[in-house]
Every structure is written in structure tokens, then in C-alpha cells.
Protein backbone atom coordinates (compact mmCIF):
# COMPACT_ATOMS: atom_id res chain seq x y z
CA MET A 1 0.16 0.21 -0.12
CA LYS A 2 1.68 3.19 -1.45
CA THR A 3 0.81 6.81 -1.06
CA TRP A 4 -1.68 9.10 0.18
CA THR A 5 -2.08 12.80 1.17
CA ARG A 6 -3.94 14.12 4.33
CA HIS A 7 -6.94 15.80 6.10
CA ILE A 8 -10.74 16.04 5.12
CA ARG A 9 -13.48 18.30 6.55
CA ILE A 10 -16.94 17.21 5.58
CA ALA A 11 -18.76 20.13 4.35
CA ALA A 12 -15.74 22.74 5.26
CA LEU A 13 -12.41 21.08 4.09
CA ALA A 14 -11.48 19.28 1.45
CA LEU A 15 -9.13 16.02 1.04
CA VAL A 16 -7.15 15.07 -2.00
CA ALA A 17 -5.79 11.92 -1.40
CA ALA A 18 -3.57 10.07 -3.59
CA VAL A 19 -3.46 6.47 -3.06
CA ILE A 20 -1.45 3.48 -5.60
CA GLY A 21 -2.13 0.61 -3.18
CA ALA A 22 -1.80 -3.34 -4.47
CA CYS A 23 -1.96 -6.96 -2.63
CA GLY A 24 -1.21 -9.62 -5.19
CA GLY A 25 -0.61 -9.41 -9.07
CA GLY A 26 -2.02 -8.44 -12.34
CA SER A 27 -2.06 -5.51 -14.57
CA ASP A 28 -4.79 -3.25 -15.90
CA SER A 29 -6.09 -4.18 -19.70
CA GLY A 30 -6.13 -0.46 -20.56
CA GLY A 31 -9.96 0.80 -18.68
CA THR A 32 -11.86 -1.20 -21.10
CA GLY A 33 -14.49 -2.08 -17.85
CA ALA A 34 -13.84 -5.88 -18.35
CA SER A 35 -10.95 -5.80 -15.72
CA SER A 36 -11.93 -5.35 -11.82
CA GLY A 37 -9.73 -5.01 -8.54
CA THR A 38 -11.12 -4.64 -4.74
CA LEU A 39 -11.73 -1.95 -2.55
CA ARG A 40 -11.22 -2.91 1.14
CA VAL A 41 -12.73 -0.31 3.73
CA ALA A 42 -11.68 -0.07 7.65
CA LEU A 43 -12.73 2.89 10.32
CA THR A 44 -10.68 3.75 13.07
CA ASP A 45 -10.27 6.47 15.28
CA ALA A 46 -8.19 9.49 17.01
CA PRO A 47 -8.58 10.81 20.19
CA ALA A 48 -11.77 12.46 21.76
CA CYS A 49 -12.46 15.20 24.67
CA GLY A 50 -13.90 14.84 27.59
CA TYR A 51 -16.45 11.65 25.87
CA ASP A 52 -16.46 7.78 27.61
CA HIS A 53 -18.39 7.06 24.03
CA VAL A 54 -18.77 8.37 20.94
CA TYR A 55 -20.92 6.11 18.92
CA VAL A 56 -21.60 6.37 15.18
CA THR A 57 -23.74 3.64 13.13
CA VAL A 58 -22.48 2.73 9.94
CA ASP A 59 -24.80 1.54 7.11
CA ARG A 60 -22.85 1.91 4.00
CA VAL A 61 -19.65 2.91 2.02
CA ARG A 62 -20.03 4.53 -1.67
CA VAL A 63 -18.12 5.47 -4.37
CA HIS A 64 -17.92 7.11 -7.53
CA GLN A 65 -15.68 7.78 -10.55
CA SER A 66 -16.69 11.15 -10.67
CA SER A 67 -16.31 13.70 -7.89
CA THR A 68 -19.64 15.54 -8.98
CA ALA A 69 -21.61 12.52 -9.00
CA ALA A 70 -25.06 13.03 -7.21
CA ASP A 71 -26.83 10.90 -5.40
CA GLY A 72 -29.12 9.67 -7.74
CA ASP A 73 -26.65 8.91 -10.53
CA ALA A 74 -26.09 5.93 -12.21
CA GLY A 75 -22.20 4.81 -11.75
CA TRP A 76 -22.15 4.36 -7.93
CA ALA A 77 -20.64 0.85 -6.31
CA GLU A 78 -21.22 0.19 -2.42
CA VAL A 79 -19.71 -1.44 0.47
CA VAL A 80 -22.93 -2.71 2.32
CA LEU A 81 -23.06 -3.84 6.11
CA PRO A 82 -24.89 -6.65 6.31
CA THR A 83 -26.57 -4.43 9.06
CA PRO A 84 -26.35 -1.12 10.37
CA ARG A 85 -23.26 -1.45 12.77
CA ARG A 86 -23.11 0.62 15.79
CA ILE A 87 -19.09 1.88 16.64
CA ASP A 88 -17.95 3.32 19.35
CA LEU A 89 -15.17 5.20 17.79
CA LEU A 90 -12.87 5.62 21.11
CA SER A 91 -12.56 1.74 21.04
CA LEU A 92 -10.59 1.82 17.73
CA THR A 93 -7.37 3.86 19.14
CA ASN A 94 -4.35 2.46 19.18
CA GLY A 95 -4.16 0.87 15.38
CA VAL A 96 -7.42 -0.81 16.18
CA LEU A 97 -9.28 -1.05 12.87
CA ASP A 98 -13.12 -2.29 12.22
CA GLU A 99 -13.37 -3.95 9.13
CA LEU A 100 -16.43 -2.60 7.33
CA GLY A 101 -15.87 -4.99 4.08
CA GLN A 102 -15.17 -4.83 0.49
CA THR A 103 -16.32 -4.66 -2.97
CA PRO A 104 -15.41 -5.51 -6.31
CA LEU A 105 -14.92 -2.58 -8.54
CA PRO A 106 -14.24 -1.52 -12.55
CA ALA A 107 -10.77 -1.01 -12.81
CA GLY A 108 -9.79 2.68 -12.61
CA ARG A 109 -10.16 6.15 -10.67
CA TYR A 110 -12.72 6.74 -8.10
CA THR A 111 -12.79 10.39 -6.78
CA GLN A 112 -15.91 10.67 -4.59
CA LEU A 113 -15.94 8.05 -1.58
CA ARG A 114 -19.48 8.76 1.20
CA LEU A 115 -19.65 7.11 4.20
CA VAL A 116 -23.56 6.73 4.68
CA LEU A 117 -24.39 6.80 8.72
CA ALA A 118 -28.11 5.23 9.97
CA PRO A 119 -30.63 7.79 11.10
CA ASN A 120 -31.36 8.23 14.78
CA GLY A 121 -35.16 7.88 13.99
CA ASN A 122 -37.59 9.35 15.92
CA GLY A 123 -35.67 9.65 19.02
CA ASN A 124 -37.29 6.81 20.94
CA ALA A 125 -35.20 3.82 19.72
CA THR A 126 -32.71 2.88 22.18
CA PRO A 127 -29.59 2.53 21.21
CA ILE A 128 -29.07 5.82 19.82
CA ALA A 129 -27.34 5.33 16.04
CA ASN A 130 -25.29 8.15 16.79
CA ALA A 131 -24.89 9.41 20.44
CA ILE A 132 -22.30 10.62 22.93
CA ARG A 133 -21.58 9.28 26.67
CA LEU A 134 -20.24 12.87 28.68
CA THR A 135 -17.54 12.02 31.14
CA GLY A 136 -19.37 11.15 34.47
CA ASP A 137 -22.70 10.43 32.63
CA SER A 138 -24.47 7.75 32.46
CA ALA A 139 -26.80 8.12 30.06
CA ASP A 140 -25.77 8.95 25.96
CA THR A 141 -26.82 12.00 24.33
CA PRO A 142 -27.81 12.07 20.53
CA LEU A 143 -25.75 13.46 17.99
CA VAL A 144 -27.44 15.73 15.45
CA THR A 145 -26.17 14.65 12.31
CA PRO A 146 -25.77 17.06 9.02
CA SER A 147 -28.05 18.09 6.78
CA GLY A 148 -28.28 15.71 4.10
CA GLN A 149 -27.13 12.81 5.71
CA GLN A 150 -29.17 10.24 3.81
CA SER A 151 -26.80 10.64 0.96
CA GLY A 152 -23.49 10.08 3.09
CA LEU A 153 -20.60 12.02 4.47
CA LYS A 154 -18.86 12.96 1.03
CA MET A 155 -15.05 13.10 0.87
CA ASN A 156 -13.13 14.17 -2.28
CA VAL A 157 -10.52 11.41 -2.87
CA ASN A 158 -8.40 9.58 -5.36
CA ILE A 159 -8.38 5.58 -5.44
CA GLU A 160 -6.41 3.97 -8.54
CA VAL A 161 -8.16 0.13 -8.83
CA ALA A 162 -6.09 -1.76 -10.64
CA ALA A 163 -6.98 -5.05 -11.95
CA ASN A 164 -6.64 -7.95 -9.96
CA GLN A 165 -5.19 -6.25 -6.78
CA MET A 166 -6.93 -4.74 -3.86
CA VAL A 167 -6.84 -1.06 -2.43
CA ASP A 168 -6.96 -0.61 1.16
CA ALA A 169 -8.69 2.49 2.46
CA VAL A 170 -9.06 3.42 6.18
CA LEU A 171 -11.68 5.99 7.34
CA ASP A 172 -9.73 8.06 10.49
CA PHE A 173 -12.54 9.48 12.15
CA ASP A 174 -11.33 12.28 14.56
CA ALA A 175 -14.18 12.30 16.99
CA CYS A 176 -12.48 15.03 19.20
CA LYS A 177 -12.48 16.94 15.99
CA SER A 178 -15.99 16.13 15.12
CA ILE A 179 -18.33 16.97 17.97
CA VAL A 180 -19.13 20.56 18.28
CA ARG A 181 -21.34 21.94 21.27
CA ALA A 182 -24.25 24.21 20.75
CA GLY A 183 -24.56 26.63 23.76
CA ASN A 184 -26.65 26.10 26.49
CA SER A 185 -29.21 24.02 24.40
CA GLY A 186 -27.70 20.19 25.71
CA ARG A 187 -27.18 19.68 21.78
CA TYR A 188 -24.30 17.83 20.19
CA LEU A 189 -23.23 18.71 16.39
CA LEU A 190 -21.48 15.55 14.41
CA LYS A 191 -19.73 17.74 11.78
CA PRO A 192 -17.06 15.07 11.11
CA VAL A 193 -13.62 15.61 10.44
CA ILE A 194 -12.34 12.37 8.43
CA ARG A 195 -8.83 11.43 7.43
CA VAL A 196 -8.35 8.73 4.13
CA ILE A 197 -5.32 6.83 4.49
CA PRO A 198 -3.51 3.34 3.25
CA ARG A 199 -3.37 0.54 5.76
CA TYR A 200 0.19 0.94 6.38
CA VAL A 201 2.40 -1.27 8.10
CA SER A 202 4.44 1.28 9.66
CA GLY A 203 4.51 2.99 12.71
CA VAL A 204 5.58 3.93 16.23
CA LEU A 205 5.58 1.86 19.29
CA GLY A 206 5.98 3.01 22.78
CA TYR A 207 5.03 3.55 26.51
CA VAL A 208 4.40 7.04 28.83
CA ASP A 209 4.26 6.38 33.21
CA LEU A 210 1.37 4.70 34.38
CA ALA A 211 0.99 8.01 35.91
CA LEU A 212 -0.56 9.69 32.84
CA VAL A 213 -2.51 7.28 32.13
CA GLY A 214 -6.46 8.76 31.77
CA PRO A 215 -8.54 11.48 30.25
CA GLY A 216 -6.78 14.33 28.22
CA THR A 217 -3.31 12.54 27.72
CA SER A 218 -2.37 12.18 23.89
CA VAL A 219 0.30 10.97 22.21
CA SER A 220 0.71 12.16 17.98
CA LEU A 221 2.93 12.37 15.22
CA GLN A 222 3.07 15.64 13.88
CA GLN A 223 4.90 17.19 10.58
CA ALA A 224 5.17 20.83 11.27
CA GLY A 225 2.68 21.29 14.11
CA VAL A 226 -0.13 19.54 11.77
CA VAL A 227 -1.22 16.25 13.43
CA ILE A 228 -0.82 13.66 11.19
CA ARG A 229 -1.70 10.52 13.52
CA ALA A 230 -2.81 10.74 17.23
CA THR A 231 -3.59 8.20 19.82
CA VAL A 232 -4.48 7.79 23.72
CA PRO A 233 -2.25 5.11 26.02
CA ASP A 234 -3.71 2.15 26.79
CA ALA A 235 -4.10 1.14 30.94
CA THR A 236 -0.76 -0.34 30.78
CA GLY A 237 0.84 3.09 28.96
CA ARG A 238 1.58 1.61 25.62
CA PHE A 239 0.99 3.46 22.83
CA LEU A 240 0.70 2.40 18.70
CA LEU A 241 0.48 5.00 16.34
CA GLN A 242 -0.15 2.94 13.36
CA PRO A 243 -0.95 3.24 10.23
CA VAL A 244 1.37 6.35 9.53
CA ALA A 245 3.07 6.99 6.56
CA PRO A 246 6.93 6.41 6.09
CA GLY A 247 9.04 9.52 7.18
CA THR A 248 10.04 11.90 9.46
CA TYR A 249 7.64 12.96 12.63
CA ASP A 250 8.12 14.67 15.91
CA LEU A 251 6.17 12.78 18.61
CA VAL A 252 4.73 15.20 20.79
CA LEU A 253 3.11 13.64 24.13
CA SER A 254 0.76 16.48 25.90
CA ALA A 255 -1.08 15.29 29.66
CA PRO A 256 -2.88 17.15 31.91
CA GLY A 257 -0.71 19.29 34.49
CA ARG A 258 2.43 18.04 32.37
CA SER A 259 4.99 19.48 30.48
CA THR A 260 5.00 18.71 27.05
CA THR A 261 7.41 16.33 25.72
CA VAL A 262 8.82 16.74 22.19
CA ILE A 263 11.11 13.92 20.37
CA THR A 264 12.22 15.24 17.26
CA GLY A 265 13.27 13.17 13.96
CA VAL A 266 11.36 10.28 14.89
CA PRO A 267 11.89 7.84 11.55
CA VAL A 268 8.81 5.87 9.69
CA THR A 269 10.27 3.50 7.59
CA ALA A 270 8.35 1.20 5.32
CA ASP A 271 6.49 -1.88 6.67
CA THR A 272 8.24 -1.51 10.01
CA VAL A 273 6.97 -0.42 13.79
CA LEU A 274 9.77 1.44 15.25
CA SER A 275 9.83 0.31 18.78
CA LEU A 276 10.75 3.79 20.84
CA ASN A 277 10.92 2.94 24.08
CA THR A 278 10.28 0.01 26.58
CA ALA A 279 7.65 -0.02 29.79
CA LEU A 280 10.79 0.48 31.96
CA ALA A 281 12.12 3.36 30.00
CA ALA A 282 8.02 4.95 29.99
CA LEU A 283 8.14 8.84 29.33
CA VAL A 284 7.35 10.75 32.08
CA PRO A 285 7.25 14.35 31.99
CA PRO A 286 7.59 16.47 34.90
CA PRO A 287 4.85 18.60 36.62
CA SER A 288 3.75 21.95 35.33
CA PRO A 289 1.47 24.35 36.54
CA THR A 290 -1.47 25.43 33.91
CA GLY A 291 -2.56 28.46 32.23
CA VAL A 292 -5.96 28.64 30.42
CA ALA A 293 -6.05 30.22 26.46
CA SER A 294 -9.46 31.44 25.88
CA GLY A 295 -11.72 33.66 23.73
CA ALA A 296 -14.60 34.21 21.81
CA ILE A 297 -15.31 33.69 17.39
CA THR A 298 -17.14 36.41 16.32
CA VAL A 299 -18.79 35.53 12.59
CA THR A 300 -20.21 38.42 9.87
CA PRO A 301 -22.35 37.92 8.54
CA ALA A 302 -23.80 35.89 10.98
CA GLY A 303 -23.17 31.93 11.26
CA PRO A 304 -22.19 29.09 13.06
CA MET A 305 -18.80 29.87 15.44
CA ASP A 306 -17.52 26.07 15.60
CA ALA A 307 -13.80 27.16 14.48
CA GLU A 308 -11.39 25.11 15.38
CA VAL A 309 -8.93 26.53 17.54
CA ARG A 310 -5.34 25.62 17.58
CA ALA A 311 -2.35 26.08 20.24
CA LEU A 312 1.32 26.24 18.78
CA GLN A 313 4.65 26.31 20.53
CA ALA A 314 8.31 26.28 19.12
CA ALA A 315 9.84 23.65 21.04
CA GLY A 316 13.98 23.27 19.79
CA PRO A 317 14.01 23.54 16.17
CA THR A 318 10.44 22.61 15.44
CA THR A 319 6.42 23.61 16.04
CA VAL A 320 3.91 21.81 17.49
CA GLU A 321 0.65 21.66 18.02
CA VAL A 322 -0.30 21.24 22.28
CA ALA A 323 -3.77 21.11 22.10
CA SER A 324 -6.82 21.92 19.89
CA THR A 325 -10.21 22.59 20.51
CA LEU A 326 -13.57 23.35 18.81
CA ALA A 327 -15.45 26.77 19.41
CA ASP A 328 -19.36 26.83 20.74
CA GLU A 329 -21.35 26.82 17.74
CA SER A 330 -23.49 29.23 19.23
CA THR A 331 -21.54 31.03 21.65
CA GLY A 332 -18.15 30.91 19.99
CA LEU A 333 -16.44 30.74 23.23
CA TYR A 334 -13.73 28.27 23.43
CA SER A 335 -10.77 27.61 26.34
CA LEU A 336 -7.40 25.55 26.33
CA ALA A 337 -5.79 24.75 29.50
CA LEU A 338 -2.00 24.50 28.80
CA PRO A 339 1.37 23.56 30.27
CA THR A 340 3.17 27.09 31.59
CA ALA A 341 6.46 25.10 32.13
CA ALA A 342 9.00 25.04 29.35
CA PRO A 343 8.53 22.12 26.68
CA LEU A 344 10.98 19.13 27.11
CA VAL A 345 12.67 18.35 23.49
CA THR A 346 15.04 15.77 22.65
CA GLY A 347 16.37 14.06 19.49
CA TYR A 348 15.68 10.54 18.09
CA ALA A 349 18.66 8.37 18.92
CA VAL A 350 18.87 5.12 20.29
CA PRO A 351 18.91 4.99 23.00
CA LEU A 352 16.47 8.18 23.99
CA PRO A 353 18.77 10.80 25.14
CA PRO A 354 17.67 13.15 28.23
CA ALA A 355 15.52 15.94 27.26
CA THR A 356 16.27 19.88 27.61
CA ALA A 357 13.90 22.26 28.47
CA ALA A 358 13.16 25.01 25.36
CA SER A 359 13.36 28.07 28.15
CA ALA A 360 12.31 30.51 25.49
CA SER A 361 8.87 28.73 25.20
CA ALA A 362 7.38 28.60 28.39
CA GLY A 363 4.27 29.61 28.49
CA ARG A 364 4.25 31.33 25.03
CA TYR A 365 1.60 29.74 22.44
CA THR A 366 0.45 30.81 18.99
CA LEU A 367 -3.13 30.81 18.67
CA GLN A 368 -4.39 29.89 15.35
CA ALA A 369 -8.17 29.79 14.38
CA THR A 370 -9.78 27.99 11.21
CA LEU A 371 -13.48 28.40 10.21
CA GLY A 372 -14.85 27.56 6.79
CA GLY A 373 -11.69 27.27 4.84
CA ILE A 374 -10.24 30.51 6.10
CA THR A 375 -7.39 30.50 9.01
CA LYS A 376 -6.45 33.35 11.19
CA THR A 377 -2.96 33.49 13.57
CA THR A 378 -2.27 35.86 16.44
CA ALA A 379 0.33 38.58 15.84
CA ALA A 380 2.46 37.26 18.04
CA PRO A 381 3.11 34.53 20.58
CA VAL A 382 0.61 35.14 23.67
CA THR A 383 1.75 34.41 27.08
CA VAL A 384 -0.27 31.98 29.27
CA SER A 385 0.38 31.95 33.66
CA ALA A 386 -1.44 30.17 36.18
CA SER A 387 -2.58 33.23 37.03
CA ALA A 388 -5.25 34.40 35.09
CA PRO A 389 -6.60 33.57 31.82
CA VAL A 390 -4.99 34.96 28.91
CA VAL A 391 -8.14 36.29 26.12
CA THR A 392 -8.14 36.50 22.46
CA GLY A 393 -10.70 37.04 20.24
CA PHE A 394 -11.06 35.96 16.28
CA SER A 395 -13.10 37.47 13.81
CA PHE A 396 -14.38 35.77 10.66
CA PRO A 397 -14.09 36.23 7.60
């Protein structure tokens, strides 16, 4: 399985992914339609924020060779689940995949993919098809799904299906960035953020100290401050970042009340899972006071204010994302809890060298807000402290 590129935001961001994936042999017969290959689809997840469960119920996956094909047009092919499957996205971390199925396809290029979720119905059905369980709650809260849900969540892709070969697609459903609160209404909206990636074997395996296991801890692989793959450690402190394309990454460990730890230059090679450390040498960043960066999003003319707000920090030779959140759709309010101590930085080597503090970056963050494909960044870093929140607003467009 070869190369794809990265990010989709349904209805707000466009993904252009490139795949050339192969399992087995064979050759294309020149696009005559007489030859066929196979598309196999699986689902996985990145970490979520403040939820014990995030449920979606998948009905089918549809693909088409035209990126502009409408729901009722001819030419659609489908991976249909025998019965709609209710999946807890938060169970799909540390490299776990949920196999959705596969379908034969005429050889050729496919440029549109739709993930079709089952509807929530009239509100009386249990369990609720698409729902969240807030941390500390005992009952599920319905997720309001996007308009036009019946036709599926549309993704622009670029999948090349060759004759007698299988292409593997993994839908990386980021639950944290897909759920938006709507003021004090008690409503939570599903605005899916999904990455489509090949089923790489390559990745990174490692351990964090058991004291860090719990809500809010995240381990990610990043490039230039963009999260490529993220997960949460399991009960033993183990984390597995997979599937990941071969390349060089910054590994970032963020945990509540701890300094951010950054390991630069982490190499990921084809068909190999890099063992970063062992449980006996688990990553254990020191405690840090916590500050708050908060503010509000305003939109003119009036519209949804659910911008993604990211906190970026200089960490030695690189810049990393330390935290992100979605602003409230109705109020535009956002809040990020951030360590005020300096990030700890080391370069990858075997064994891992001791980390040193990037003292000049202590408590200093560049805030970045993105809404409707427009990104705005603070002109200079803001400084957070444990004594009072720093307030920064963003106006769109």
C-alpha cells in the first residue's frame, strides 16, 4: 500500500488523497471495463475530548468515479454492511481497525467516497444510533447529524483501482474534532472530520508512565505542527501510532498538568513499526502549572462559530501543536488548558537522549483559528500563566 496525502473536513475542508495500493499481482487491461479490482474499507479513530463513548452507526460506504456525481446518479458502487453497525469510535485507538467490508470494482480511478450513517430515527429507539456519552454521565446524548445525511458524508479522494489488485482504505474518524457543542441547548452536533489513509503497516510503538494514563493524555506524530496521527495510551501506558506513512515526524506527548514532551526526527520506515522505548524506560514528563487561553469567535454575517482553535508552541528546532478545541457553535466561546512550563525537547536516537527544556518557549503559544477554510493566527505568541486566563478573540471572515 503506497501513498496518500492528508486531511478532510466534511462540508468545510476538502481532502485530496492519492493512493496506489496493491496486494497481489495483475495488470490493467487499458480501462475497457472488463477488468476489476477490489476496494477494502476499515474505520479507525483519533483521541476524543471529554467523552467516555462516541457512537456512530455505519450503514454503507459508496464510491464513484466522478467527484461531482449526485446521490441518484448511475455508477455508484457500495460496500454494504449486512446490518448497520453501531461503533464506539473510542474503542478504535492504538492501531485498532473495524473492518467495514469490501467490494469488487471496475478498474479505474475513483474520486468520490461517501460514508453513510444510519439516522437516529424518531428519538424513541434505543440504543441511539449516533450518540455520545459525556464523561461522568450514565446516559447517552444524541448527536445531531448533518443535513443531507441520507446521501452520506462526502469525501473527495483519488483512489486508483488496478485489475486483480486490492486497494485498502482506512477512514480515520477524529471524534474530538467532529463534535460541536451548541450553547446551553444541550445539543451536540456531528460535523465529521475524517482522514482517508492507506492501510500502512508502518508506525511507532512506545510507552508512557502509568501516572499519565487517563483522560486528556495524547500522543501524536506531527509534521510542521500538523497532527498526522494521534492516539491515547492504554491502561498499561502502551501506545501505538499506526497506520502511518513512511517519513520523519515529531512525536508529541501532552498530558494534563505535565510539561509537553517532544521527540524530534522520529523515523518511520516502510512496513516497520518503530519501537521507541520500553515500559521500563517510559516517558514521564515533570509536573507543570496550567494556564488557560480562551476567547470567542465572531462571524460576519452571522453563522455557525465552531472554529477549530489550535495552540502551537516552538519546541527547539520545530513547532508543535500542544492542544486544540472546537469553539461552541452558538456562542463562539473556546478554552484551552495549557502547561506554563517549558516544553522538553530531545532528538531521536537509540537510546533516547535526556530531554532539555526549551526555556524561551515557556508559557508562550501561537493561537490559530480555522473556520470555513479561512485560517487566522495571532500576530505574536500569547503568554499563559497560572494566575489568570489570556483572552484572544478571532473575527471571520
